[in-house]
Amino acid sequence: MSTILEQPLQPSSLPNSSQWLAGQGAGSWFWMGKTNTENQFQIKRFSSIGVLECDLIFECNESGFSISKPFEFTYLSHCASCTIIQDNLKFTFTIFNG
């Protein structure tokens, strides 16, 4: 039986707005930033110790997400797809294949 990895101390090398997403026996830090294109966002995933695992451009599959409002990364989130909750709504982000 694996256990949920509790949030470690945030590595100082990560952006302050990074969020911890705990998982079974592991976890990751996620960070999101806005690009210059509407509905496209830069998402970075880091290991628990701050090693960059992916840095990609994602697009939101639903309308209504605002990066300027509070949001929380949730499951399922990885380097190909991320799920975010905002205002009790789930938003799915997938890699931009422009």
PDB file of N, CA and C in Angstrom:
ATOM      1  N   MET A   1       0.856  -1.182   0.000  1.00  0.00           N
ATOM      2  CA  MET A   1       0.000   0.000   0.000  1.00  0.00           C
ATOM      3  C   MET A   1       0.894   1.235   0.000  1.00  0.00           C
ATOM      4  N   SER A   2       0.748   2.088  -0.998  1.00  0.00           N
ATOM      5  CA  SER A   2       1.552   3.302  -1.038  1.00  0.00           C
ATOM      6  C   SER A   2       0.826   4.419  -0.300  1.00  0.00           C
ATOM      7  N   THR A   3       1.595   5.368   0.151  1.00  0.00           N
ATOM      8  CA  THR A   3       1.025   6.471   0.912  1.00  0.00           C
ATOM      9  C   THR A   3       1.110   7.765   0.114  1.00  0.00           C
ATOM     10  N   ILE A   4       0.277   8.709   0.488  1.00  0.00           N
ATOM     11  CA  ILE A   4       0.298  10.023  -0.149  1.00  0.00           C
ATOM     12  C   ILE A   4       1.517  10.778   0.362  1.00  0.00           C
ATOM     13  N   LEU A   5       2.298  11.325  -0.560  1.00  0.00           N
ATOM     14  CA  LEU A   5       3.477  12.098  -0.197  1.00  0.00           C
ATOM     15  C   LEU A   5       3.037  13.493   0.234  1.00  0.00           C
ATOM     16  N   GLU A   6       3.301  13.819   1.473  1.00  0.00           N
ATOM     17  CA  GLU A   6       2.952  15.143   1.990  1.00  0.00           C
ATOM     18  C   GLU A   6       3.795  16.217   1.324  1.00  0.00           C
ATOM     19  N   GLN A   7       3.321  17.440   1.381  1.00  0.00           N
ATOM     20  CA  GLN A   7       4.024  18.552   0.751  1.00  0.00           C
ATOM     21  C   GLN A   7       5.362  18.783   1.435  1.00  0.00           C
ATOM     22  N   PRO A   8       6.460  18.707   0.655  1.00  0.00           N
ATOM     23  CA  PRO A   8       7.780  19.027   1.216  1.00  0.00           C
ATOM     24  C   PRO A   8       7.971  20.546   1.255  1.00  0.00           C
ATOM     25  N   LEU A   9       9.048  20.976   1.839  1.00  0.00           N
ATOM     26  CA  LEU A   9       9.392  22.392   1.772  1.00  0.00           C
ATOM     27  C   LEU A   9       9.589  22.756   0.312  1.00  0.00           C
ATOM     28  N   GLN A  10       9.073  23.901  -0.080  1.00  0.00           N
ATOM     29  CA  GLN A  10       9.200  24.320  -1.471  1.00  0.00           C
ATOM     30  C   GLN A  10      10.638  24.725  -1.748  1.00  0.00           C
ATOM     31  N   PRO A  11      11.279  24.106  -2.750  1.00  0.00           N
ATOM     32  CA  PRO A  11      12.645  24.509  -3.106  1.00  0.00           C
ATOM     33  C   PRO A  11      12.694  25.994  -3.465  1.00  0.00           C
ATOM     34  N   SER A  12      13.714  26.672  -3.030  1.00  0.00           N
ATOM     35  CA  SER A  12      13.825  28.115  -3.268  1.00  0.00           C
ATOM     36  C   SER A  12      13.980  28.450  -4.745  1.00  0.00           C
ATOM     37  N   SER A  13      14.358  27.484  -5.572  1.00  0.00           N
ATOM     38  CA  SER A  13      14.533  27.728  -7.002  1.00  0.00           C
ATOM     39  C   SER A  13      13.200  27.797  -7.760  1.00  0.00           C
ATOM     40  N   LEU A  14      12.097  27.392  -7.136  1.00  0.00           N
ATOM     41  CA  LEU A  14      10.802  27.389  -7.804  1.00  0.00           C
ATOM     42  C   LEU A  14      10.126  28.755  -7.705  1.00  0.00           C
ATOM     43  N   PRO A  15       9.305  29.089  -8.699  1.00  0.00           N
ATOM     44  CA  PRO A  15       8.523  30.324  -8.585  1.00  0.00           C
ATOM     45  C   PRO A  15       7.641  30.265  -7.331  1.00  0.00           C
ATOM     46  N   ASN A  16       7.467  31.390  -6.655  1.00  0.00           N
ATOM     47  CA  ASN A  16       6.693  31.433  -5.411  1.00  0.00           C
ATOM     48  C   ASN A  16       5.271  30.926  -5.585  1.00  0.00           C
ATOM     49  N   SER A  17       4.690  31.119  -6.749  1.00  0.00           N
ATOM     50  CA  SER A  17       3.298  30.728  -6.973  1.00  0.00           C
ATOM     51  C   SER A  17       3.133  29.255  -7.352  1.00  0.00           C
ATOM     52  N   SER A  18       4.199  28.459  -7.257  1.00  0.00           N
ATOM     53  CA  SER A  18       4.103  27.030  -7.560  1.00  0.00           C
ATOM     54  C   SER A  18       3.165  26.352  -6.570  1.00  0.00           C
ATOM     55  N   GLN A  19       2.461  25.341  -7.052  1.00  0.00           N
ATOM     56  CA  GLN A  19       1.517  24.593  -6.218  1.00  0.00           C
ATOM     57  C   GLN A  19       1.949  23.141  -6.123  1.00  0.00           C
ATOM     58  N   TRP A  20       1.817  22.558  -4.941  1.00  0.00           N
ATOM     59  CA  TRP A  20       2.140  21.157  -4.699  1.00  0.00           C
ATOM     60  C   TRP A  20       0.908  20.309  -4.990  1.00  0.00           C
ATOM     61  N   LEU A  21       1.086  19.226  -5.746  1.00  0.00           N
ATOM     62  CA  LEU A  21       0.037  18.253  -5.978  1.00  0.00           C
ATOM     63  C   LEU A  21       0.557  16.907  -5.503  1.00  0.00           C
ATOM     64  N   ALA A  22       0.057  16.454  -4.364  1.00  0.00           N
ATOM     65  CA  ALA A  22       0.511  15.189  -3.768  1.00  0.00           C
ATOM     66  C   ALA A  22      -0.045  14.015  -4.552  1.00  0.00           C
ATOM     67  N   GLY A  23       0.704  12.917  -4.526  1.00  0.00           N
ATOM     68  CA  GLY A  23       0.264  11.710  -5.205  1.00  0.00           C
ATOM     69  C   GLY A  23       0.629  10.482  -4.399  1.00  0.00           C
ATOM     70  N   GLN A  24       0.304   9.316  -4.932  1.00  0.00           N
ATOM     71  CA  GLN A  24       0.620   8.057  -4.283  1.00  0.00           C
ATOM     72  C   GLN A  24       2.124   7.812  -4.352  1.00  0.00           C
ATOM     73  N   GLY A  25       2.811   7.987  -3.239  1.00  0.00           N
ATOM     74  CA  GLY A  25       4.248   7.737  -3.182  1.00  0.00           C
ATOM     75  C   GLY A  25       5.095   8.771  -3.894  1.00  0.00           C
ATOM     76  N   ALA A  26       4.462   9.785  -4.443  1.00  0.00           N
ATOM     77  CA  ALA A  26       5.190  10.827  -5.173  1.00  0.00           C
ATOM     78  C   ALA A  26       4.355  12.100  -5.144  1.00  0.00           C
ATOM     79  N   GLY A  27       4.845  13.099  -5.802  1.00  0.00           N
ATOM     80  CA  GLY A  27       4.132  14.369  -5.915  1.00  0.00           C
ATOM     81  C   GLY A  27       4.925  15.284  -6.823  1.00  0.00           C
ATOM     82  N   SER A  28       4.292  16.358  -7.239  1.00  0.00           N
ATOM     83  CA  SER A  28       4.949  17.299  -8.138  1.00  0.00           C
ATOM     84  C   SER A  28       4.532  18.717  -7.788  1.00  0.00           C
ATOM     85  N   TRP A  29       5.420  19.641  -8.137  1.00  0.00           N
ATOM     86  CA  TRP A  29       5.120  21.071  -8.068  1.00  0.00           C
ATOM     87  C   TRP A  29       4.676  21.511  -9.455  1.00  0.00           C
ATOM     88  N   PHE A  30       3.622  22.327  -9.524  1.00  0.00           N
ATOM     89  CA  PHE A  30       3.140  22.872 -10.796  1.00  0.00           C
ATOM     90  C   PHE A  30       3.147  24.388 -10.725  1.00  0.00           C
ATOM     91  N   TRP A  31       3.466  24.993 -11.861  1.00  0.00           N
ATOM     92  CA  TRP A  31       3.441  26.448 -11.985  1.00  0.00           C
ATOM     93  C   TRP A  31       2.788  26.779 -13.313  1.00  0.00           C
ATOM     94  N   MET A  32       1.982  27.847 -13.334  1.00  0.00           N
ATOM     95  CA  MET A  32       1.333  28.284 -14.571  1.00  0.00           C
ATOM     96  C   MET A  32       1.570  29.768 -14.788  1.00  0.00           C
ATOM     97  N   GLY A  33       1.843  30.132 -16.034  1.00  0.00           N
ATOM     98  CA  GLY A  33       1.997  31.529 -16.418  1.00  0.00           C
ATOM     99  C   GLY A  33       1.253  31.791 -17.717  1.00  0.00           C
ATOM    100  N   LYS A  34       0.924  33.038 -17.956  1.00  0.00           N
ATOM    101  CA  LYS A  34       0.200  33.432 -19.167  1.00  0.00           C
ATOM    102  C   LYS A  34       1.165  33.630 -20.326  1.00  0.00           C
ATOM    103  N   THR A  35       0.741  33.273 -21.520  1.00  0.00           N
ATOM    104  CA  THR A  35       1.503  33.574 -22.731  1.00  0.00           C
ATOM    105  C   THR A  35       0.879  34.827 -23.365  1.00  0.00           C
ATOM    106  N   ASN A  36       1.388  35.218 -24.508  1.00  0.00           N
ATOM    107  CA  ASN A  36       0.843  36.379 -25.219  1.00  0.00           C
ATOM    108  C   ASN A  36      -0.363  36.025 -26.072  1.00  0.00           C
ATOM    109  N   THR A  37      -0.751  34.735 -26.061  1.00  0.00           N
ATOM    110  CA  THR A  37      -1.869  34.275 -26.876  1.00  0.00           C
ATOM    111  C   THR A  37      -3.035  33.905 -25.966  1.00  0.00           C
ATOM    112  N   GLU A  38      -4.222  34.391 -26.313  1.00  0.00           N
ATOM    113  CA  GLU A  38      -5.409  34.085 -25.517  1.00  0.00           C
ATOM    114  C   GLU A  38      -5.633  32.577 -25.455  1.00  0.00           C
ATOM    115  N   ASN A  39      -5.983  32.087 -24.292  1.00  0.00           N
ATOM    116  CA  ASN A  39      -6.310  30.687 -24.045  1.00  0.00           C
ATOM    117  C   ASN A  39      -5.099  29.751 -24.067  1.00  0.00           C
ATOM    118  N   GLN A  40      -3.881  30.308 -24.118  1.00  0.00           N
ATOM    119  CA  GLN A  40      -2.668  29.489 -24.048  1.00  0.00           C
ATOM    120  C   GLN A  40      -1.866  29.889 -22.816  1.00  0.00           C
ATOM    121  N   PHE A  41      -1.309  28.872 -22.140  1.00  0.00           N
ATOM    122  CA  PHE A  41      -0.622  29.078 -20.882  1.00  0.00           C
ATOM    123  C   PHE A  41       0.636  28.232 -20.831  1.00  0.00           C
ATOM    124  N   GLN A  42       1.664  28.759 -20.195  1.00  0.00           N
ATOM    125  CA  GLN A  42       2.888  27.993 -19.956  1.00  0.00           C
ATOM    126  C   GLN A  42       2.695  27.261 -18.635  1.00  0.00           C
ATOM    127  N   ILE A  43       2.913  25.952 -18.657  1.00  0.00           N
ATOM    128  CA  ILE A  43       2.835  25.154 -17.432  1.00  0.00           C
ATOM    129  C   ILE A  43       4.149  24.410 -17.268  1.00  0.00           C
ATOM    130  N   LYS A  44       4.694  24.524 -16.065  1.00  0.00           N
ATOM    131  CA  LYS A  44       5.916  23.808 -15.718  1.00  0.00           C
ATOM    132  C   LYS A  44       5.602  22.817 -14.603  1.00  0.00           C
ATOM    133  N   ARG A  45       6.184  21.639 -14.701  1.00  0.00           N
ATOM    134  CA  ARG A  45       6.074  20.651 -13.629  1.00  0.00           C
ATOM    135  C   ARG A  45       7.479  20.362 -13.116  1.00  0.00           C
ATOM    136  N   PHE A  46       7.600  20.341 -11.799  1.00  0.00           N
ATOM    137  CA  PHE A  46       8.867  20.087 -11.140  1.00  0.00           C
ATOM    138  C   PHE A  46       8.733  18.889 -10.209  1.00  0.00           C
ATOM    139  N   SER A  47       9.831  18.178  -9.995  1.00  0.00           N
ATOM    140  CA  SER A  47       9.842  17.082  -9.022  1.00  0.00           C
ATOM    141  C   SER A  47       9.727  17.657  -7.613  1.00  0.00           C
ATOM    142  N   SER A  48       9.617  16.788  -6.640  1.00  0.00           N
ATOM    143  CA  SER A  48       9.493  17.222  -5.246  1.00  0.00           C
ATOM    144  C   SER A  48      10.708  18.007  -4.776  1.00  0.00           C
ATOM    145  N   ILE A  49      11.863  17.782  -5.413  1.00  0.00           N
ATOM    146  CA  ILE A  49      13.079  18.499  -5.016  1.00  0.00           C
ATOM    147  C   ILE A  49      13.405  19.660  -5.953  1.00  0.00           C
ATOM    148  N   GLY A  50      12.493  19.952  -6.896  1.00  0.00           N
ATOM    149  CA  GLY A  50      12.642  21.131  -7.741  1.00  0.00           C
ATOM    150  C   GLY A  50      13.273  20.918  -9.093  1.00  0.00           C
ATOM    151  N   VAL A  51      13.423  19.665  -9.540  1.00  0.00           N
ATOM    152  CA  VAL A  51      13.986  19.390 -10.868  1.00  0.00           C
ATOM    153  C   VAL A  51      12.887  19.581 -11.916  1.00  0.00           C
ATOM    154  N   LEU A  52      13.160  20.401 -12.930  1.00  0.00           N
ATOM    155  CA  LEU A  52      12.199  20.651 -13.993  1.00  0.00           C
ATOM    156  C   LEU A  52      11.944  19.362 -14.771  1.00  0.00           C
ATOM    157  N   GLU A  53      10.680  18.947 -14.854  1.00  0.00           N
ATOM    158  CA  GLU A  53      10.310  17.726 -15.566  1.00  0.00           C
ATOM    159  C   GLU A  53       9.657  18.033 -16.909  1.00  0.00           C
ATOM    160  N   CYS A  54       8.967  19.153 -17.013  1.00  0.00           N
ATOM    161  CA  CYS A  54       8.439  19.592 -18.303  1.00  0.00           C
ATOM    162  C   CYS A  54       8.109  21.071 -18.241  1.00  0.00           C
ATOM    163  N   ASP A  55       8.165  21.712 -19.384  1.00  0.00           N
ATOM    164  CA  ASP A  55       7.898  23.144 -19.541  1.00  0.00           C
ATOM    165  C   ASP A  55       7.282  23.304 -20.924  1.00  0.00           C
ATOM    166  N   LEU A  56       5.941  23.372 -20.962  1.00  0.00           N
ATOM    167  CA  LEU A  56       5.233  23.324 -22.233  1.00  0.00           C
ATOM    168  C   LEU A  56       4.130  24.374 -22.295  1.00  0.00           C
ATOM    169  N   ILE A  57       3.654  24.624 -23.512  1.00  0.00           N
ATOM    170  CA  ILE A  57       2.515  25.509 -23.728  1.00  0.00           C
ATOM    171  C   ILE A  57       1.263  24.636 -23.817  1.00  0.00           C
ATOM    172  N   PHE A  58       0.265  24.989 -23.005  1.00  0.00           N
ATOM    173  CA  PHE A  58      -1.004  24.272 -22.957  1.00  0.00           C
ATOM    174  C   PHE A  58      -2.116  25.218 -23.358  1.00  0.00           C
ATOM    175  N   GLU A  59      -3.228  24.647 -23.828  1.00  0.00           N
ATOM    176  CA  GLU A  59      -4.410  25.451 -24.080  1.00  0.00           C
ATOM    177  C   GLU A  59      -5.570  24.874 -23.283  1.00  0.00           C
ATOM    178  N   CYS A  60      -6.442  25.770 -22.854  1.00  0.00           N
ATOM    179  CA  CYS A  60      -7.607  25.380 -22.065  1.00  0.00           C
ATOM    180  C   CYS A  60      -8.690  24.876 -23.004  1.00  0.00           C
ATOM    181  N   ASN A  61      -9.267  23.715 -22.677  1.00  0.00           N
ATOM    182  CA  ASN A  61     -10.279  23.109 -23.538  1.00  0.00           C
ATOM    183  C   ASN A  61     -11.685  23.648 -23.283  1.00  0.00           C
ATOM    184  N   GLU A  62     -11.860  24.407 -22.206  1.00  0.00           N
ATOM    185  CA  GLU A  62     -13.159  24.984 -21.879  1.00  0.00           C
ATOM    186  C   GLU A  62     -13.021  26.505 -21.799  1.00  0.00           C
ATOM    187  N   SER A  63     -14.125  27.198 -21.950  1.00  0.00           N
ATOM    188  CA  SER A  63     -14.098  28.651 -21.818  1.00  0.00           C
ATOM    189  C   SER A  63     -14.354  29.038 -20.366  1.00  0.00           C
ATOM    190  N   GLY A  64     -13.912  30.220 -19.998  1.00  0.00           N
ATOM    191  CA  GLY A  64     -14.209  30.761 -18.680  1.00  0.00           C
ATOM    192  C   GLY A  64     -13.066  30.776 -17.694  1.00  0.00           C
ATOM    193  N   PHE A  65     -11.929  30.137 -18.001  1.00  0.00           N
ATOM    194  CA  PHE A  65     -10.803  30.143 -17.069  1.00  0.00           C
ATOM    195  C   PHE A  65     -10.135  31.512 -17.069  1.00  0.00           C
ATOM    196  N   SER A  66      -9.770  31.998 -15.888  1.00  0.00           N
ATOM    197  CA  SER A  66      -9.055  33.268 -15.757  1.00  0.00           C
ATOM    198  C   SER A  66      -7.832  33.065 -14.881  1.00  0.00           C
ATOM    199  N   ILE A  67      -6.648  33.282 -15.437  1.00  0.00           N
ATOM    200  CA  ILE A  67      -5.419  33.108 -14.675  1.00  0.00           C
ATOM    201  C   ILE A  67      -5.304  34.134 -13.550  1.00  0.00           C
ATOM    202  N   SER A  68      -6.078  35.206 -13.624  1.00  0.00           N
ATOM    203  CA  SER A  68      -6.002  36.247 -12.594  1.00  0.00           C
ATOM    204  C   SER A  68      -6.848  35.921 -11.360  1.00  0.00           C
ATOM    205  N   LYS A  69      -7.622  34.832 -11.420  1.00  0.00           N
ATOM    206  CA  LYS A  69      -8.422  34.401 -10.277  1.00  0.00           C
ATOM    207  C   LYS A  69      -7.770  33.175  -9.635  1.00  0.00           C
ATOM    208  N   PRO A  70      -8.019  32.924  -8.346  1.00  0.00           N
ATOM    209  CA  PRO A  70      -7.437  31.753  -7.683  1.00  0.00           C
ATOM    210  C   PRO A  70      -7.819  30.454  -8.392  1.00  0.00           C
ATOM    211  N   PHE A  71      -6.872  29.522  -8.442  1.00  0.00           N
ATOM    212  CA  PHE A  71      -7.097  28.209  -9.055  1.00  0.00           C
ATOM    213  C   PHE A  71      -6.216  27.194  -8.354  1.00  0.00           C
ATOM    214  N   GLU A  72      -6.544  25.922  -8.570  1.00  0.00           N
ATOM    215  CA  GLU A  72      -5.805  24.842  -7.916  1.00  0.00           C
ATOM    216  C   GLU A  72      -5.615  23.679  -8.888  1.00  0.00           C
ATOM    217  N   PHE A  73      -4.361  23.231  -9.043  1.00  0.00           N
ATOM    218  CA  PHE A  73      -4.094  22.031  -9.834  1.00  0.00           C
ATOM    219  C   PHE A  73      -4.679  20.825  -9.102  1.00  0.00           C
ATOM    220  N   THR A  74      -5.251  19.893  -9.864  1.00  0.00           N
ATOM    221  CA  THR A  74      -5.813  18.691  -9.280  1.00  0.00           C
ATOM    222  C   THR A  74      -5.540  17.515 -10.219  1.00  0.00           C
ATOM    223  N   TYR A  75      -6.107  16.377  -9.912  1.00  0.00           N
ATOM    224  CA  TYR A  75      -5.906  15.167 -10.720  1.00  0.00           C
ATOM    225  C   TYR A  75      -6.841  15.189 -11.905  1.00  0.00           C
ATOM    226  N   LEU A  76      -6.457  14.764 -12.947  1.00  0.00           N
ATOM    227  CA  LEU A  76      -5.226  14.175 -13.418  1.00  0.00           C
ATOM    228  C   LEU A  76      -4.371  15.297 -14.007  1.00  0.00           C
ATOM    229  N   SER A  77      -3.146  15.420 -13.535  1.00  0.00           N
ATOM    230  CA  SER A  77      -2.224  16.433 -14.061  1.00  0.00           C
ATOM    231  C   SER A  77      -0.860  15.790 -14.261  1.00  0.00           C
ATOM    232  N   HIS A  78      -0.314  15.972 -15.455  1.00  0.00           N
ATOM    233  CA  HIS A  78       1.016  15.452 -15.790  1.00  0.00           C
ATOM    234  C   HIS A  78       1.566  16.282 -16.946  1.00  0.00           C
ATOM    235  N   CYS A  79       2.573  15.794 -17.649  1.00  0.00           N
ATOM    236  CA  CYS A  79       3.225  16.592 -18.694  1.00  0.00           C
ATOM    237  C   CYS A  79       2.468  16.625 -20.022  1.00  0.00           C
ATOM    238  N   ALA A  80       1.338  15.933 -20.128  1.00  0.00           N
ATOM    239  CA  ALA A  80       0.553  15.972 -21.360  1.00  0.00           C
ATOM    240  C   ALA A  80      -0.804  16.627 -21.171  1.00  0.00           C
ATOM    241  N   SER A  81      -1.293  16.637 -19.949  1.00  0.00           N
ATOM    242  CA  SER A  81      -2.601  17.194 -19.650  1.00  0.00           C
ATOM    243  C   SER A  81      -2.635  17.634 -18.189  1.00  0.00           C
ATOM    244  N   CYS A  82      -3.286  18.739 -17.920  1.00  0.00           N
ATOM    245  CA  CYS A  82      -3.423  19.231 -16.548  1.00  0.00           C
ATOM    246  C   CYS A  82      -4.880  19.564 -16.299  1.00  0.00           C
ATOM    247  N   THR A  83      -5.311  19.337 -15.069  1.00  0.00           N
ATOM    248  CA  THR A  83      -6.665  19.658 -14.654  1.00  0.00           C
ATOM    249  C   THR A  83      -6.590  20.696 -13.545  1.00  0.00           C
ATOM    250  N   ILE A  84      -7.399  21.722 -13.677  1.00  0.00           N
ATOM    251  CA  ILE A  84      -7.402  22.822 -12.715  1.00  0.00           C
ATOM    252  C   ILE A  84      -8.836  23.077 -12.266  1.00  0.00           C
ATOM    253  N   ILE A  85      -8.995  23.332 -10.978  1.00  0.00           N
ATOM    254  CA  ILE A  85     -10.296  23.711 -10.429  1.00  0.00           C
ATOM    255  C   ILE A  85     -10.269  25.206 -10.150  1.00  0.00           C
ATOM    256  N   GLN A  86     -11.306  25.879 -10.614  1.00  0.00           N
ATOM    257  CA  GLN A  86     -11.479  27.307 -10.357  1.00  0.00           C
ATOM    258  C   GLN A  86     -12.977  27.573 -10.230  1.00  0.00           C
ATOM    259  N   ASP A  87     -13.366  28.225  -9.162  1.00  0.00           N
ATOM    260  CA  ASP A  87     -14.782  28.515  -8.918  1.00  0.00           C
ATOM    261  C   ASP A  87     -15.638  27.252  -8.990  1.00  0.00           C
ATOM    262  N   ASN A  88     -15.124  26.157  -8.413  1.00  0.00           N
ATOM    263  CA  ASN A  88     -15.823  24.855  -8.378  1.00  0.00           C
ATOM    264  C   ASN A  88     -16.065  24.254  -9.763  1.00  0.00           C
ATOM    265  N   LEU A  89     -15.334  24.725 -10.774  1.00  0.00           N
ATOM    266  CA  LEU A  89     -15.411  24.170 -12.124  1.00  0.00           C
ATOM    267  C   LEU A  89     -14.069  23.539 -12.464  1.00  0.00           C
ATOM    268  N   LYS A  90     -14.100  22.438 -13.236  1.00  0.00           N
ATOM    269  CA  LYS A  90     -12.869  21.795 -13.695  1.00  0.00           C
ATOM    270  C   LYS A  90     -12.547  22.254 -15.103  1.00  0.00           C
ATOM    271  N   PHE A  91     -11.280  22.626 -15.295  1.00  0.00           N
ATOM    272  CA  PHE A  91     -10.778  23.030 -16.596  1.00  0.00           C
ATOM    273  C   PHE A  91      -9.661  22.073 -16.986  1.00  0.00           C
ATOM    274  N   THR A  92      -9.695  21.597 -18.220  1.00  0.00           N
ATOM    275  CA  THR A  92      -8.671  20.677 -18.716  1.00  0.00           C
ATOM    276  C   THR A  92      -7.765  21.446 -19.682  1.00  0.00           C
ATOM    277  N   PHE A  93      -6.459  21.276 -19.480  1.00  0.00           N
ATOM    278  CA  PHE A  93      -5.446  21.919 -20.323  1.00  0.00           C
ATOM    279  C   PHE A  93      -4.657  20.817 -21.023  1.00  0.00           C
ATOM    280  N   THR A  94      -4.512  20.937 -22.333  1.00  0.00           N
ATOM    281  CA  THR A  94      -3.744  19.963 -23.111  1.00  0.00           C
ATOM    282  C   THR A  94      -2.634  20.685 -23.869  1.00  0.00           C
ATOM    283  N   ILE A  95      -1.618  19.941 -24.233  1.00  0.00           N
ATOM    284  CA  ILE A  95      -0.472  20.518 -24.933  1.00  0.00           C
ATOM    285  C   ILE A  95      -0.940  21.192 -26.219  1.00  0.00           C
ATOM    286  N   PHE A  96      -0.471  22.409 -26.432  1.00  0.00           N
ATOM    287  CA  PHE A  96      -0.794  23.150 -27.657  1.00  0.00           C
ATOM    288  C   PHE A  96       0.017  22.560 -28.798  1.00  0.00           C
ATOM    289  N   ASN A  97      -0.678  22.166 -29.874  1.00  0.00           N
ATOM    290  CA  ASN A  97      -0.031  21.546 -31.021  1.00  0.00           C
ATOM    291  C   ASN A  97      -0.064  22.458 -32.239  1.00  0.00           C
ATOM    292  N   GLY A  98      -0.051  23.791 -32.001  1.00  0.00           N
ATOM    293  CA  GLY A  98      -0.176  24.810 -32.998  1.00  0.00           C
ATOM    294  C   GLY A  98       0.499  24.626 -34.257  1.00  0.00           C
TER     295      GLY A  98
END
